Amino acid sequence: QVQLVESGGGLVQAGGSLRLSCAASGRPFTTYTMGWFRQAPGKEREYVAVITWTGGSTYYADSVKGRFTISRDNAKNTVYLQMNSLKPEDPAVYYCAAARSYSDYFNRRIDYWGQGTQVTVSS
């Protein structure tokens, strides 16, 4: 079992920044591709960003490309999502996810989910 705990959400003005963290415990963190999804009220959960276990490869949704950065620190069993230039369309519950591969991440074959952290953007 892997437990994922997100933190760092909150209220920020449009144009501001937040950094989300996802701390993992349990099975070896380094075996997993890690990613973030988000879900706004009334909308489907959508992928945001993903990073391979080495950190050598990342992928971003077009809606966040150039503004968000995903990274991981395997020594701390933590993955981060730095969110800059936040827009009114970014508010959602952000979920950390552990998958076995890129393919599994994009096909939503997620082994473990975090509980989510709320991000709110004021205009």
PDB file of N, CA and C in Angstrom:
ATOM      1  N   GLN A   1       0.829  -1.199   0.000  1.00  0.00           N
ATOM      2  CA  GLN A   1       0.000   0.000   0.000  1.00  0.00           C
ATOM      3  C   GLN A   1       0.862   1.246   0.000  1.00  0.00           C
ATOM      4  N   VAL A   2       0.381   2.259  -0.696  1.00  0.00           N
ATOM      5  CA  VAL A   2       1.016   3.574  -0.689  1.00  0.00           C
ATOM      6  C   VAL A   2      -0.024   4.580  -0.218  1.00  0.00           C
ATOM      7  N   GLN A   3       0.350   5.398   0.728  1.00  0.00           N
ATOM      8  CA  GLN A   3      -0.520   6.478   1.174  1.00  0.00           C
ATOM      9  C   GLN A   3       0.010   7.797   0.618  1.00  0.00           C
ATOM     10  N   LEU A   4      -0.886   8.569   0.038  1.00  0.00           N
ATOM     11  CA  LEU A   4      -0.519   9.856  -0.551  1.00  0.00           C
ATOM     12  C   LEU A   4      -1.268  10.955   0.196  1.00  0.00           C
ATOM     13  N   VAL A   5      -0.527  11.954   0.641  1.00  0.00           N
ATOM     14  CA  VAL A   5      -1.134  13.064   1.377  1.00  0.00           C
ATOM     15  C   VAL A   5      -0.727  14.366   0.722  1.00  0.00           C
ATOM     16  N   GLU A   6      -1.713  15.079   0.186  1.00  0.00           N
ATOM     17  CA  GLU A   6      -1.441  16.360  -0.465  1.00  0.00           C
ATOM     18  C   GLU A   6      -1.515  17.497   0.545  1.00  0.00           C
ATOM     19  N   SER A   7      -0.810  18.556   0.232  1.00  0.00           N
ATOM     20  CA  SER A   7      -0.872  19.792   1.018  1.00  0.00           C
ATOM     21  C   SER A   7      -0.507  20.956   0.116  1.00  0.00           C
ATOM     22  N   GLY A   8      -0.766  22.165   0.608  1.00  0.00           N
ATOM     23  CA  GLY A   8      -0.352  23.347  -0.127  1.00  0.00           C
ATOM     24  C   GLY A   8      -1.464  24.079  -0.852  1.00  0.00           C
ATOM     25  N   GLY A   9      -2.655  23.513  -0.867  1.00  0.00           N
ATOM     26  CA  GLY A   9      -3.756  24.211  -1.513  1.00  0.00           C
ATOM     27  C   GLY A   9      -4.178  25.422  -0.714  1.00  0.00           C
ATOM     28  N   GLY A  10      -5.042  26.236  -1.306  1.00  0.00           N
ATOM     29  CA  GLY A  10      -5.521  27.425  -0.612  1.00  0.00           C
ATOM     30  C   GLY A  10      -6.104  28.428  -1.576  1.00  0.00           C
ATOM     31  N   LEU A  11      -6.245  29.636  -1.086  1.00  0.00           N
ATOM     32  CA  LEU A  11      -6.809  30.732  -1.866  1.00  0.00           C
ATOM     33  C   LEU A  11      -5.693  31.654  -2.329  1.00  0.00           C
ATOM     34  N   VAL A  12      -5.723  31.989  -3.601  1.00  0.00           N
ATOM     35  CA  VAL A  12      -4.706  32.873  -4.156  1.00  0.00           C
ATOM     36  C   VAL A  12      -5.370  33.766  -5.186  1.00  0.00           C
ATOM     37  N   GLN A  13      -4.821  34.947  -5.369  1.00  0.00           N
ATOM     38  CA  GLN A  13      -5.345  35.855  -6.394  1.00  0.00           C
ATOM     39  C   GLN A  13      -4.909  35.397  -7.779  1.00  0.00           C
ATOM     40  N   ALA A  14      -5.700  35.725  -8.771  1.00  0.00           N
ATOM     41  CA  ALA A  14      -5.323  35.429 -10.148  1.00  0.00           C
ATOM     42  C   ALA A  14      -3.948  36.039 -10.429  1.00  0.00           C
ATOM     43  N   GLY A  15      -3.116  35.250 -11.088  1.00  0.00           N
ATOM     44  CA  GLY A  15      -1.757  35.680 -11.362  1.00  0.00           C
ATOM     45  C   GLY A  15      -0.763  35.246 -10.304  1.00  0.00           C
ATOM     46  N   GLY A  16      -1.270  34.755  -9.194  1.00  0.00           N
ATOM     47  CA  GLY A  16      -0.415  34.318  -8.098  1.00  0.00           C
ATOM     48  C   GLY A  16       0.084  32.902  -8.267  1.00  0.00           C
ATOM     49  N   SER A  17       0.748  32.423  -7.221  1.00  0.00           N
ATOM     50  CA  SER A  17       1.391  31.108  -7.266  1.00  0.00           C
ATOM     51  C   SER A  17       1.048  30.292  -6.027  1.00  0.00           C
ATOM     52  N   LEU A  18       1.060  28.996  -6.210  1.00  0.00           N
ATOM     53  CA  LEU A  18       0.953  28.038  -5.117  1.00  0.00           C
ATOM     54  C   LEU A  18       1.855  26.861  -5.437  1.00  0.00           C
ATOM     55  N   ARG A  19       2.335  26.191  -4.396  1.00  0.00           N
ATOM     56  CA  ARG A  19       3.067  24.948  -4.589  1.00  0.00           C
ATOM     57  C   ARG A  19       2.369  23.848  -3.815  1.00  0.00           C
ATOM     58  N   LEU A  20       1.943  22.854  -4.546  1.00  0.00           N
ATOM     59  CA  LEU A  20       1.339  21.685  -3.930  1.00  0.00           C
ATOM     60  C   LEU A  20       2.413  20.634  -3.667  1.00  0.00           C
ATOM     61  N   SER A  21       2.238  19.919  -2.579  1.00  0.00           N
ATOM     62  CA  SER A  21       3.130  18.818  -2.240  1.00  0.00           C
ATOM     63  C   SER A  21       2.311  17.552  -2.054  1.00  0.00           C
ATOM     64  N   CYS A  22       2.913  16.434  -2.369  1.00  0.00           N
ATOM     65  CA  CYS A  22       2.280  15.139  -2.158  1.00  0.00           C
ATOM     66  C   CYS A  22       3.321  14.232  -1.522  1.00  0.00           C
ATOM     67  N   ALA A  23       3.095  13.918  -0.268  1.00  0.00           N
ATOM     68  CA  ALA A  23       4.019  13.060   0.461  1.00  0.00           C
ATOM     69  C   ALA A  23       3.526  11.619   0.415  1.00  0.00           C
ATOM     70  N   ALA A  24       4.421  10.718   0.065  1.00  0.00           N
ATOM     71  CA  ALA A  24       4.072   9.306  -0.061  1.00  0.00           C
ATOM     72  C   ALA A  24       4.705   8.491   1.051  1.00  0.00           C
ATOM     73  N   SER A  25       3.987   7.502   1.496  1.00  0.00           N
ATOM     74  CA  SER A  25       4.530   6.557   2.468  1.00  0.00           C
ATOM     75  C   SER A  25       4.045   5.168   2.102  1.00  0.00           C
ATOM     76  N   GLY A  26       4.762   4.171   2.584  1.00  0.00           N
ATOM     77  CA  GLY A  26       4.378   2.800   2.283  1.00  0.00           C
ATOM     78  C   GLY A  26       5.370   2.157   1.340  1.00  0.00           C
ATOM     79  N   ARG A  27       4.868   1.586   0.263  1.00  0.00           N
ATOM     80  CA  ARG A  27       5.723   0.896  -0.691  1.00  0.00           C
ATOM     81  C   ARG A  27       6.708   1.859  -1.338  1.00  0.00           C
ATOM     82  N   PRO A  28       7.793   1.340  -1.911  1.00  0.00           N
ATOM     83  CA  PRO A  28       8.809   2.222  -2.497  1.00  0.00           C
ATOM     84  C   PRO A  28       8.223   3.231  -3.478  1.00  0.00           C
ATOM     85  N   PHE A  29       8.425   4.476  -3.153  1.00  0.00           N
ATOM     86  CA  PHE A  29       7.921   5.593  -3.942  1.00  0.00           C
ATOM     87  C   PHE A  29       8.529   5.611  -5.329  1.00  0.00           C
ATOM     88  N   THR A  30       9.775   5.217  -5.412  1.00  0.00           N
ATOM     89  CA  THR A  30      10.511   5.357  -6.667  1.00  0.00           C
ATOM     90  C   THR A  30      10.021   4.414  -7.745  1.00  0.00           C
ATOM     91  N   THR A  31       9.186   3.459  -7.418  1.00  0.00           N
ATOM     92  CA  THR A  31       8.708   2.551  -8.453  1.00  0.00           C
ATOM     93  C   THR A  31       7.539   3.128  -9.244  1.00  0.00           C
ATOM     94  N   TYR A  32       7.028   4.273  -8.814  1.00  0.00           N
ATOM     95  CA  TYR A  32       5.827   4.801  -9.418  1.00  0.00           C
ATOM     96  C   TYR A  32       6.051   6.047 -10.267  1.00  0.00           C
ATOM     97  N   THR A  33       5.331   6.092 -11.374  1.00  0.00           N
ATOM     98  CA  THR A  33       5.127   7.336 -12.097  1.00  0.00           C
ATOM     99  C   THR A  33       4.111   8.141 -11.302  1.00  0.00           C
ATOM    100  N   MET A  34       4.412   9.400 -11.060  1.00  0.00           N
ATOM    101  CA  MET A  34       3.554  10.226 -10.223  1.00  0.00           C
ATOM    102  C   MET A  34       2.924  11.347 -11.043  1.00  0.00           C
ATOM    103  N   GLY A  35       1.719  11.683 -10.707  1.00  0.00           N
ATOM    104  CA  GLY A  35       1.052  12.735 -11.456  1.00  0.00           C
ATOM    105  C   GLY A  35       0.027  13.472 -10.627  1.00  0.00           C
ATOM    106  N   TRP A  36      -0.496  14.486 -11.228  1.00  0.00           N
ATOM    107  CA  TRP A  36      -1.566  15.287 -10.628  1.00  0.00           C
ATOM    108  C   TRP A  36      -2.761  15.308 -11.576  1.00  0.00           C
ATOM    109  N   PHE A  37      -3.941  15.209 -10.981  1.00  0.00           N
ATOM    110  CA  PHE A  37      -5.199  15.418 -11.670  1.00  0.00           C
ATOM    111  C   PHE A  37      -5.905  16.565 -10.952  1.00  0.00           C
ATOM    112  N   ARG A  38      -6.931  17.090 -11.595  1.00  0.00           N
ATOM    113  CA  ARG A  38      -7.773  18.059 -10.910  1.00  0.00           C
ATOM    114  C   ARG A  38      -9.217  17.858 -11.329  1.00  0.00           C
ATOM    115  N   GLN A  39     -10.107  18.262 -10.450  1.00  0.00           N
ATOM    116  CA  GLN A  39     -11.532  18.138 -10.732  1.00  0.00           C
ATOM    117  C   GLN A  39     -12.258  19.360 -10.211  1.00  0.00           C
ATOM    118  N   ALA A  40     -12.882  20.081 -11.127  1.00  0.00           N
ATOM    119  CA  ALA A  40     -13.696  21.234 -10.777  1.00  0.00           C
ATOM    120  C   ALA A  40     -15.146  20.781 -10.615  1.00  0.00           C
ATOM    121  N   PRO A  41     -15.953  21.530  -9.893  1.00  0.00           N
ATOM    122  CA  PRO A  41     -17.363  21.150  -9.697  1.00  0.00           C
ATOM    123  C   PRO A  41     -18.087  20.958 -11.021  1.00  0.00           C
ATOM    124  N   GLY A  42     -18.770  19.838 -11.161  1.00  0.00           N
ATOM    125  CA  GLY A  42     -19.546  19.570 -12.362  1.00  0.00           C
ATOM    126  C   GLY A  42     -18.729  19.117 -13.557  1.00  0.00           C
ATOM    127  N   LYS A  43     -17.433  18.959 -13.363  1.00  0.00           N
ATOM    128  CA  LYS A  43     -16.569  18.548 -14.476  1.00  0.00           C
ATOM    129  C   LYS A  43     -15.896  17.222 -14.178  1.00  0.00           C
ATOM    130  N   GLU A  44     -15.423  16.584 -15.237  1.00  0.00           N
ATOM    131  CA  GLU A  44     -14.692  15.332 -15.055  1.00  0.00           C
ATOM    132  C   GLU A  44     -13.298  15.613 -14.513  1.00  0.00           C
ATOM    133  N   ARG A  45     -12.759  14.615 -13.848  1.00  0.00           N
ATOM    134  CA  ARG A  45     -11.382  14.725 -13.390  1.00  0.00           C
ATOM    135  C   ARG A  45     -10.472  14.709 -14.611  1.00  0.00           C
ATOM    136  N   GLU A  46      -9.541  15.636 -14.661  1.00  0.00           N
ATOM    137  CA  GLU A  46      -8.650  15.740 -15.812  1.00  0.00           C
ATOM    138  C   GLU A  46      -7.194  15.694 -15.363  1.00  0.00           C
ATOM    139  N   TYR A  47      -6.378  15.167 -16.259  1.00  0.00           N
ATOM    140  CA  TYR A  47      -4.969  15.105 -15.882  1.00  0.00           C
ATOM    141  C   TYR A  47      -4.342  16.485 -16.020  1.00  0.00           C
ATOM    142  N   VAL A  48      -3.333  16.735 -15.222  1.00  0.00           N
ATOM    143  CA  VAL A  48      -2.643  18.019 -15.198  1.00  0.00           C
ATOM    144  C   VAL A  48      -1.182  17.863 -15.592  1.00  0.00           C
ATOM    145  N   ALA A  49      -0.483  16.966 -14.900  1.00  0.00           N
ATOM    146  CA  ALA A  49       0.945  16.794 -15.148  1.00  0.00           C
ATOM    147  C   ALA A  49       1.382  15.441 -14.614  1.00  0.00           C
ATOM    148  N   VAL A  50       2.444  14.921 -15.207  1.00  0.00           N
ATOM    149  CA  VAL A  50       2.955  13.611 -14.792  1.00  0.00           C
ATOM    150  C   VAL A  50       4.468  13.615 -14.912  1.00  0.00           C
ATOM    151  N   ILE A  51       5.113  12.808 -14.063  1.00  0.00           N
ATOM    152  CA  ILE A  51       6.571  12.717 -14.059  1.00  0.00           C
ATOM    153  C   ILE A  51       6.978  11.274 -13.858  1.00  0.00           C
ATOM    154  N   THR A  52       7.987  10.831 -14.591  1.00  0.00           N
ATOM    155  CA  THR A  52       8.459   9.459 -14.453  1.00  0.00           C
ATOM    156  C   THR A  52       9.201   9.275 -13.133  1.00  0.00           C
ATOM    157  N   TRP A  53       9.492   8.025 -12.795  1.00  0.00           N
ATOM    158  CA  TRP A  53      10.091   7.771 -11.481  1.00  0.00           C
ATOM    159  C   TRP A  53      11.489   8.358 -11.362  1.00  0.00           C
ATOM    160  N   THR A  54      12.191   8.515 -12.487  1.00  0.00           N
ATOM    161  CA  THR A  54      13.521   9.124 -12.438  1.00  0.00           C
ATOM    162  C   THR A  54      13.448  10.651 -12.421  1.00  0.00           C
ATOM    163  N   GLY A  55      12.281  11.177 -12.783  1.00  0.00           N
ATOM    164  CA  GLY A  55      12.177  12.625 -12.929  1.00  0.00           C
ATOM    165  C   GLY A  55      12.683  13.123 -14.267  1.00  0.00           C
ATOM    166  N   GLY A  56      13.093  12.202 -15.111  1.00  0.00           N
ATOM    167  CA  GLY A  56      13.700  12.599 -16.365  1.00  0.00           C
ATOM    168  C   GLY A  56      12.725  12.975 -17.463  1.00  0.00           C
ATOM    169  N   SER A  57      11.477  12.669 -17.268  1.00  0.00           N
ATOM    170  CA  SER A  57      10.486  12.962 -18.287  1.00  0.00           C
ATOM    171  C   SER A  57       9.221  13.480 -17.630  1.00  0.00           C
ATOM    172  N   THR A  58       8.689  14.540 -18.211  1.00  0.00           N
ATOM    173  CA  THR A  58       7.453  15.126 -17.695  1.00  0.00           C
ATOM    174  C   THR A  58       6.495  15.395 -18.855  1.00  0.00           C
ATOM    175  N   TYR A  59       5.249  15.525 -18.525  1.00  0.00           N
ATOM    176  CA  TYR A  59       4.235  15.824 -19.532  1.00  0.00           C
ATOM    177  C   TYR A  59       3.176  16.695 -18.871  1.00  0.00           C
ATOM    178  N   TYR A  60       2.687  17.682 -19.635  1.00  0.00           N
ATOM    179  CA  TYR A  60       1.706  18.616 -19.095  1.00  0.00           C
ATOM    180  C   TYR A  60       0.493  18.727 -20.004  1.00  0.00           C
ATOM    181  N   ALA A  61      -0.651  18.938 -19.389  1.00  0.00           N
ATOM    182  CA  ALA A  61      -1.835  19.277 -20.164  1.00  0.00           C
ATOM    183  C   ALA A  61      -1.610  20.634 -20.819  1.00  0.00           C
ATOM    184  N   ASP A  62      -2.187  20.820 -21.987  1.00  0.00           N
ATOM    185  CA  ASP A  62      -1.995  22.081 -22.705  1.00  0.00           C
ATOM    186  C   ASP A  62      -2.450  23.277 -21.879  1.00  0.00           C
ATOM    187  N   SER A  63      -3.463  23.080 -21.058  1.00  0.00           N
ATOM    188  CA  SER A  63      -4.032  24.179 -20.288  1.00  0.00           C
ATOM    189  C   SER A  63      -3.089  24.715 -19.214  1.00  0.00           C
ATOM    190  N   VAL A  64      -2.077  23.934 -18.845  1.00  0.00           N
ATOM    191  CA  VAL A  64      -1.162  24.379 -17.775  1.00  0.00           C
ATOM    192  C   VAL A  64       0.278  24.496 -18.254  1.00  0.00           C
ATOM    193  N   LYS A  65       0.538  24.101 -19.485  1.00  0.00           N
ATOM    194  CA  LYS A  65       1.903  24.108 -20.005  1.00  0.00           C
ATOM    195  C   LYS A  65       2.479  25.517 -19.945  1.00  0.00           C
ATOM    196  N   GLY A  66       3.702  25.611 -19.452  1.00  0.00           N
ATOM    197  CA  GLY A  66       4.361  26.901 -19.340  1.00  0.00           C
ATOM    198  C   GLY A  66       4.065  27.631 -18.042  1.00  0.00           C
ATOM    199  N   ARG A  67       3.072  27.153 -17.297  1.00  0.00           N
ATOM    200  CA  ARG A  67       2.718  27.799 -16.026  1.00  0.00           C
ATOM    201  C   ARG A  67       2.962  26.885 -14.829  1.00  0.00           C
ATOM    202  N   PHE A  68       2.758  25.587 -15.010  1.00  0.00           N
ATOM    203  CA  PHE A  68       2.914  24.615 -13.927  1.00  0.00           C
ATOM    204  C   PHE A  68       4.191  23.807 -14.159  1.00  0.00           C
ATOM    205  N   THR A  69       4.811  23.402 -13.062  1.00  0.00           N
ATOM    206  CA  THR A  69       5.996  22.562 -13.130  1.00  0.00           C
ATOM    207  C   THR A  69       5.864  21.432 -12.119  1.00  0.00           C
ATOM    208  N   ILE A  70       6.008  20.207 -12.599  1.00  0.00           N
ATOM    209  CA  ILE A  70       5.982  19.052 -11.715  1.00  0.00           C
ATOM    210  C   ILE A  70       7.412  18.612 -11.445  1.00  0.00           C
ATOM    211  N   SER A  71       7.675  18.208 -10.225  1.00  0.00           N
ATOM    212  CA  SER A  71       9.002  17.720  -9.863  1.00  0.00           C
ATOM    213  C   SER A  71       8.841  16.701  -8.739  1.00  0.00           C
ATOM    214  N   ARG A  72       9.905  15.975  -8.465  1.00  0.00           N
ATOM    215  CA  ARG A  72       9.856  14.994  -7.394  1.00  0.00           C
ATOM    216  C   ARG A  72      11.189  14.924  -6.698  1.00  0.00           C
ATOM    217  N   ASP A  73      11.147  14.593  -5.426  1.00  0.00           N
ATOM    218  CA  ASP A  73      12.336  14.371  -4.631  1.00  0.00           C
ATOM    219  C   ASP A  73      12.199  12.966  -4.057  1.00  0.00           C
ATOM    220  N   ASN A  74      12.865  12.005  -4.679  1.00  0.00           N
ATOM    221  CA  ASN A  74      12.697  10.617  -4.258  1.00  0.00           C
ATOM    222  C   ASN A  74      13.274  10.365  -2.864  1.00  0.00           C
ATOM    223  N   ALA A  75      14.252  11.149  -2.475  1.00  0.00           N
ATOM    224  CA  ALA A  75      14.813  10.998  -1.132  1.00  0.00           C
ATOM    225  C   ALA A  75      13.795  11.387  -0.062  1.00  0.00           C
ATOM    226  N   LYS A  76      12.883  12.287  -0.416  1.00  0.00           N
ATOM    227  CA  LYS A  76      11.855  12.739   0.524  1.00  0.00           C
ATOM    228  C   LYS A  76      10.499  12.106   0.235  1.00  0.00           C
ATOM    229  N   ASN A  77      10.452  11.225  -0.759  1.00  0.00           N
ATOM    230  CA  ASN A  77       9.187  10.584  -1.137  1.00  0.00           C
ATOM    231  C   ASN A  77       8.087  11.608  -1.389  1.00  0.00           C
ATOM    232  N   THR A  78       8.448  12.647  -2.095  1.00  0.00           N
ATOM    233  CA  THR A  78       7.513  13.751  -2.302  1.00  0.00           C
ATOM    234  C   THR A  78       7.516  14.196  -3.758  1.00  0.00           C
ATOM    235  N   VAL A  79       6.329  14.495  -4.251  1.00  0.00           N
ATOM    236  CA  VAL A  79       6.193  15.087  -5.579  1.00  0.00           C
ATOM    237  C   VAL A  79       5.546  16.458  -5.404  1.00  0.00           C
ATOM    238  N   TYR A  80       5.941  17.392  -6.252  1.00  0.00           N
ATOM    239  CA  TYR A  80       5.494  18.770  -6.128  1.00  0.00           C
ATOM    240  C   TYR A  80       4.806  19.226  -7.412  1.00  0.00           C
ATOM    241  N   LEU A  81       3.946  20.200  -7.260  1.00  0.00           N
ATOM    242  CA  LEU A  81       3.366  20.885  -8.416  1.00  0.00           C
ATOM    243  C   LEU A  81       3.449  22.377  -8.144  1.00  0.00           C
ATOM    244  N   GLN A  82       4.391  23.029  -8.813  1.00  0.00           N
ATOM    245  CA  GLN A  82       4.520  24.478  -8.707  1.00  0.00           C
ATOM    246  C   GLN A  82       3.572  25.106  -9.713  1.00  0.00           C
ATOM    247  N   MET A  83       2.660  25.918  -9.229  1.00  0.00           N
ATOM    248  CA  MET A  83       1.647  26.524 -10.087  1.00  0.00           C
ATOM    249  C   MET A  83       1.839  28.032 -10.086  1.00  0.00           C
ATOM    250  N   ASN A  84       2.195  28.577 -11.229  1.00  0.00           N
ATOM    251  CA  ASN A  84       2.397  30.014 -11.387  1.00  0.00           C
ATOM    252  C   ASN A  84       1.336  30.576 -12.321  1.00  0.00           C
ATOM    253  N   SER A  85       1.182  31.882 -12.275  1.00  0.00           N
ATOM    254  CA  SER A  85       0.241  32.582 -13.156  1.00  0.00           C
ATOM    255  C   SER A  85      -1.127  31.929 -13.123  1.00  0.00           C
ATOM    256  N   LEU A  86      -1.620  31.686 -11.930  1.00  0.00           N
ATOM    257  CA  LEU A  86      -2.901  31.004 -11.785  1.00  0.00           C
ATOM    258  C   LEU A  86      -4.023  31.817 -12.403  1.00  0.00           C
ATOM    259  N   LYS A  87      -4.934  31.097 -13.052  1.00  0.00           N
ATOM    260  CA  LYS A  87      -6.027  31.716 -13.790  1.00  0.00           C
ATOM    261  C   LYS A  87      -7.370  31.354 -13.146  1.00  0.00           C
ATOM    262  N   PRO A  88      -8.396  32.089 -13.481  1.00  0.00           N
ATOM    263  CA  PRO A  88      -9.740  31.786 -12.940  1.00  0.00           C
ATOM    264  C   PRO A  88     -10.231  30.392 -13.314  1.00  0.00           C
ATOM    265  N   GLU A  89      -9.678  29.790 -14.368  1.00  0.00           N
ATOM    266  CA  GLU A  89     -10.107  28.440 -14.763  1.00  0.00           C
ATOM    267  C   GLU A  89      -9.334  27.333 -14.064  1.00  0.00           C
ATOM    268  N   ASP A  90      -8.386  27.684 -13.206  1.00  0.00           N
ATOM    269  CA  ASP A  90      -7.585  26.674 -12.509  1.00  0.00           C
ATOM    270  C   ASP A  90      -8.203  26.139 -11.216  1.00  0.00           C
ATOM    271  N   PRO A  91      -9.146  26.810 -10.583  1.00  0.00           N
ATOM    272  CA  PRO A  91      -9.690  26.293  -9.328  1.00  0.00           C
ATOM    273  C   PRO A  91     -10.269  24.895  -9.470  1.00  0.00           C
ATOM    274  N   ALA A  92      -9.934  24.046  -8.518  1.00  0.00           N
ATOM    275  CA  ALA A  92     -10.379  22.658  -8.534  1.00  0.00           C
ATOM    276  C   ALA A  92      -9.831  21.987  -7.286  1.00  0.00           C
ATOM    277  N   VAL A  93     -10.264  20.765  -7.070  1.00  0.00           N
ATOM    278  CA  VAL A  93      -9.586  19.911  -6.111  1.00  0.00           C
ATOM    279  C   VAL A  93      -8.470  19.209  -6.879  1.00  0.00           C
ATOM    280  N   TYR A  94      -7.268  19.326  -6.388  1.00  0.00           N
ATOM    281  CA  TYR A  94      -6.109  18.724  -7.033  1.00  0.00           C
ATOM    282  C   TYR A  94      -5.749  17.423  -6.310  1.00  0.00           C
ATOM    283  N   TYR A  95      -5.606  16.368  -7.109  1.00  0.00           N
ATOM    284  CA  TYR A  95      -5.335  15.048  -6.572  1.00  0.00           C
ATOM    285  C   TYR A  95      -3.976  14.544  -7.032  1.00  0.00           C
ATOM    286  N   CYS A  96      -3.248  14.001  -6.120  1.00  0.00           N
ATOM    287  CA  CYS A  96      -2.002  13.314  -6.423  1.00  0.00           C
ATOM    288  C   CYS A  96      -2.326  11.863  -6.776  1.00  0.00           C
ATOM    289  N   ALA A  97      -1.576  11.302  -7.710  1.00  0.00           N
ATOM    290  CA  ALA A  97      -1.864   9.945  -8.156  1.00  0.00           C
ATOM    291  C   ALA A  97      -0.581   9.189  -8.425  1.00  0.00           C
ATOM    292  N   ALA A  98      -0.589   7.901  -8.099  1.00  0.00           N
ATOM    293  CA  ALA A  98       0.550   7.019  -8.357  1.00  0.00           C
ATOM    294  C   ALA A  98       0.129   5.955  -9.361  1.00  0.00           C
ATOM    295  N   ALA A  99       0.889   5.855 -10.432  1.00  0.00           N
ATOM    296  CA  ALA A  99       0.597   4.877 -11.474  1.00  0.00           C
ATOM    297  C   ALA A  99       1.860   4.117 -11.824  1.00  0.00           C
ATOM    298  N   ARG A 100       1.710   3.031 -12.551  1.00  0.00           N
ATOM    299  CA  ARG A 100       2.870   2.195 -12.852  1.00  0.00           C
ATOM    300  C   ARG A 100       3.608   2.654 -14.100  1.00  0.00           C
ATOM    301  N   SER A 101       2.971   3.505 -14.890  1.00  0.00           N
ATOM    302  CA  SER A 101       3.613   3.954 -16.123  1.00  0.00           C
ATOM    303  C   SER A 101       2.871   5.175 -16.647  1.00  0.00           C
ATOM    304  N   TYR A 102       3.469   5.828 -17.643  1.00  0.00           N
ATOM    305  CA  TYR A 102       2.787   6.923 -18.340  1.00  0.00           C
ATOM    306  C   TYR A 102       1.455   6.433 -18.905  1.00  0.00           C
ATOM    307  N   SER A 103       1.508   5.287 -19.546  1.00  0.00           N
ATOM    308  CA  SER A 103       0.300   4.746 -20.174  1.00  0.00           C
ATOM    309  C   SER A 103      -0.796   4.557 -19.136  1.00  0.00           C
ATOM    310  N   ASP A 104      -0.443   4.003 -17.997  1.00  0.00           N
ATOM    311  CA  ASP A 104      -1.441   3.807 -16.950  1.00  0.00           C
ATOM    312  C   ASP A 104      -1.992   5.141 -16.467  1.00  0.00           C
ATOM    313  N   TYR A 105      -1.125   6.131 -16.323  1.00  0.00           N
ATOM    314  CA  TYR A 105      -1.569   7.451 -15.875  1.00  0.00           C
ATOM    315  C   TYR A 105      -2.605   8.016 -16.847  1.00  0.00           C
ATOM    316  N   PHE A 106      -2.287   8.021 -18.127  1.00  0.00           N
ATOM    317  CA  PHE A 106      -3.192   8.629 -19.105  1.00  0.00           C
ATOM    318  C   PHE A 106      -4.468   7.816 -19.310  1.00  0.00           C
ATOM    319  N   ASN A 107      -4.382   6.531 -19.060  1.00  0.00           N
ATOM    320  CA  ASN A 107      -5.571   5.686 -19.160  1.00  0.00           C
ATOM    321  C   ASN A 107      -6.282   5.546 -17.828  1.00  0.00           C
ATOM    322  N   ARG A 108      -5.837   6.354 -16.863  1.00  0.00           N
ATOM    323  CA  ARG A 108      -6.459   6.412 -15.537  1.00  0.00           C
ATOM    324  C   ARG A 108      -6.473   5.081 -14.813  1.00  0.00           C
ATOM    325  N   ARG A 109      -5.469   4.293 -15.057  1.00  0.00           N
ATOM    326  CA  ARG A 109      -5.285   3.067 -14.276  1.00  0.00           C
ATOM    327  C   ARG A 109      -4.362   3.443 -13.124  1.00  0.00           C
ATOM    328  N   ILE A 110      -4.955   4.069 -12.152  1.00  0.00           N
ATOM    329  CA  ILE A 110      -4.226   4.644 -11.028  1.00  0.00           C
ATOM    330  C   ILE A 110      -4.225   3.661  -9.874  1.00  0.00           C
ATOM    331  N   ASP A 111      -3.043   3.387  -9.347  1.00  0.00           N
ATOM    332  CA  ASP A 111      -2.942   2.473  -8.212  1.00  0.00           C
ATOM    333  C   ASP A 111      -3.381   3.150  -6.908  1.00  0.00           C
ATOM    334  N   TYR A 112      -2.968   4.407  -6.723  1.00  0.00           N
ATOM    335  CA  TYR A 112      -3.257   5.102  -5.480  1.00  0.00           C
ATOM    336  C   TYR A 112      -3.606   6.561  -5.737  1.00  0.00           C
ATOM    337  N   TRP A 113      -4.588   7.046  -4.987  1.00  0.00           N
ATOM    338  CA  TRP A 113      -4.984   8.453  -5.036  1.00  0.00           C
ATOM    339  C   TRP A 113      -4.771   9.102  -3.670  1.00  0.00           C
ATOM    340  N   GLY A 114      -4.454  10.385  -3.710  1.00  0.00           N
ATOM    341  CA  GLY A 114      -4.490  11.157  -2.482  1.00  0.00           C
ATOM    342  C   GLY A 114      -5.901  11.624  -2.223  1.00  0.00           C
ATOM    343  N   GLN A 115      -6.087  12.310  -1.108  1.00  0.00           N
ATOM    344  CA  GLN A 115      -7.433  12.741  -0.715  1.00  0.00           C
ATOM    345  C   GLN A 115      -7.845  14.047  -1.387  1.00  0.00           C
ATOM    346  N   GLY A 116      -6.893  14.745  -1.979  1.00  0.00           N
ATOM    347  CA  GLY A 116      -7.180  15.987  -2.680  1.00  0.00           C
ATOM    348  C   GLY A 116      -6.938  17.219  -1.838  1.00  0.00           C
ATOM    349  N   THR A 117      -6.584  18.293  -2.506  1.00  0.00           N
ATOM    350  CA  THR A 117      -6.404  19.589  -1.845  1.00  0.00           C
ATOM    351  C   THR A 117      -7.052  20.655  -2.715  1.00  0.00           C
ATOM    352  N   GLN A 118      -7.791  21.555  -2.077  1.00  0.00           N
ATOM    353  CA  GLN A 118      -8.564  22.554  -2.801  1.00  0.00           C
ATOM    354  C   GLN A 118      -7.693  23.743  -3.202  1.00  0.00           C
ATOM    355  N   VAL A 119      -7.819  24.148  -4.453  1.00  0.00           N
ATOM    356  CA  VAL A 119      -7.180  25.362  -4.945  1.00  0.00           C
ATOM    357  C   VAL A 119      -8.276  26.315  -5.397  1.00  0.00           C
ATOM    358  N   THR A 120      -8.239  27.521  -4.866  1.00  0.00           N
ATOM    359  CA  THR A 120      -9.223  28.541  -5.204  1.00  0.00           C
ATOM    360  C   THR A 120      -8.497  29.783  -5.711  1.00  0.00           C
ATOM    361  N   VAL A 121      -8.985  30.338  -6.797  1.00  0.00           N
ATOM    362  CA  VAL A 121      -8.362  31.524  -7.388  1.00  0.00           C
ATOM    363  C   VAL A 121      -9.385  32.647  -7.407  1.00  0.00           C
ATOM    364  N   SER A 122      -9.035  33.762  -6.815  1.00  0.00           N
ATOM    365  CA  SER A 122      -9.929  34.925  -6.813  1.00  0.00           C
ATOM    366  C   SER A 122      -9.513  35.882  -7.918  1.00  0.00           C
ATOM    367  N   SER A 123     -10.501  36.483  -8.541  1.00  0.00           N
ATOM    368  CA  SER A 123     -10.189  37.399  -9.645  1.00  0.00           C
ATOM    369  C   SER A 123     -10.117  38.829  -9.155  1.00  0.00           C
TER     370      SER A 123
END
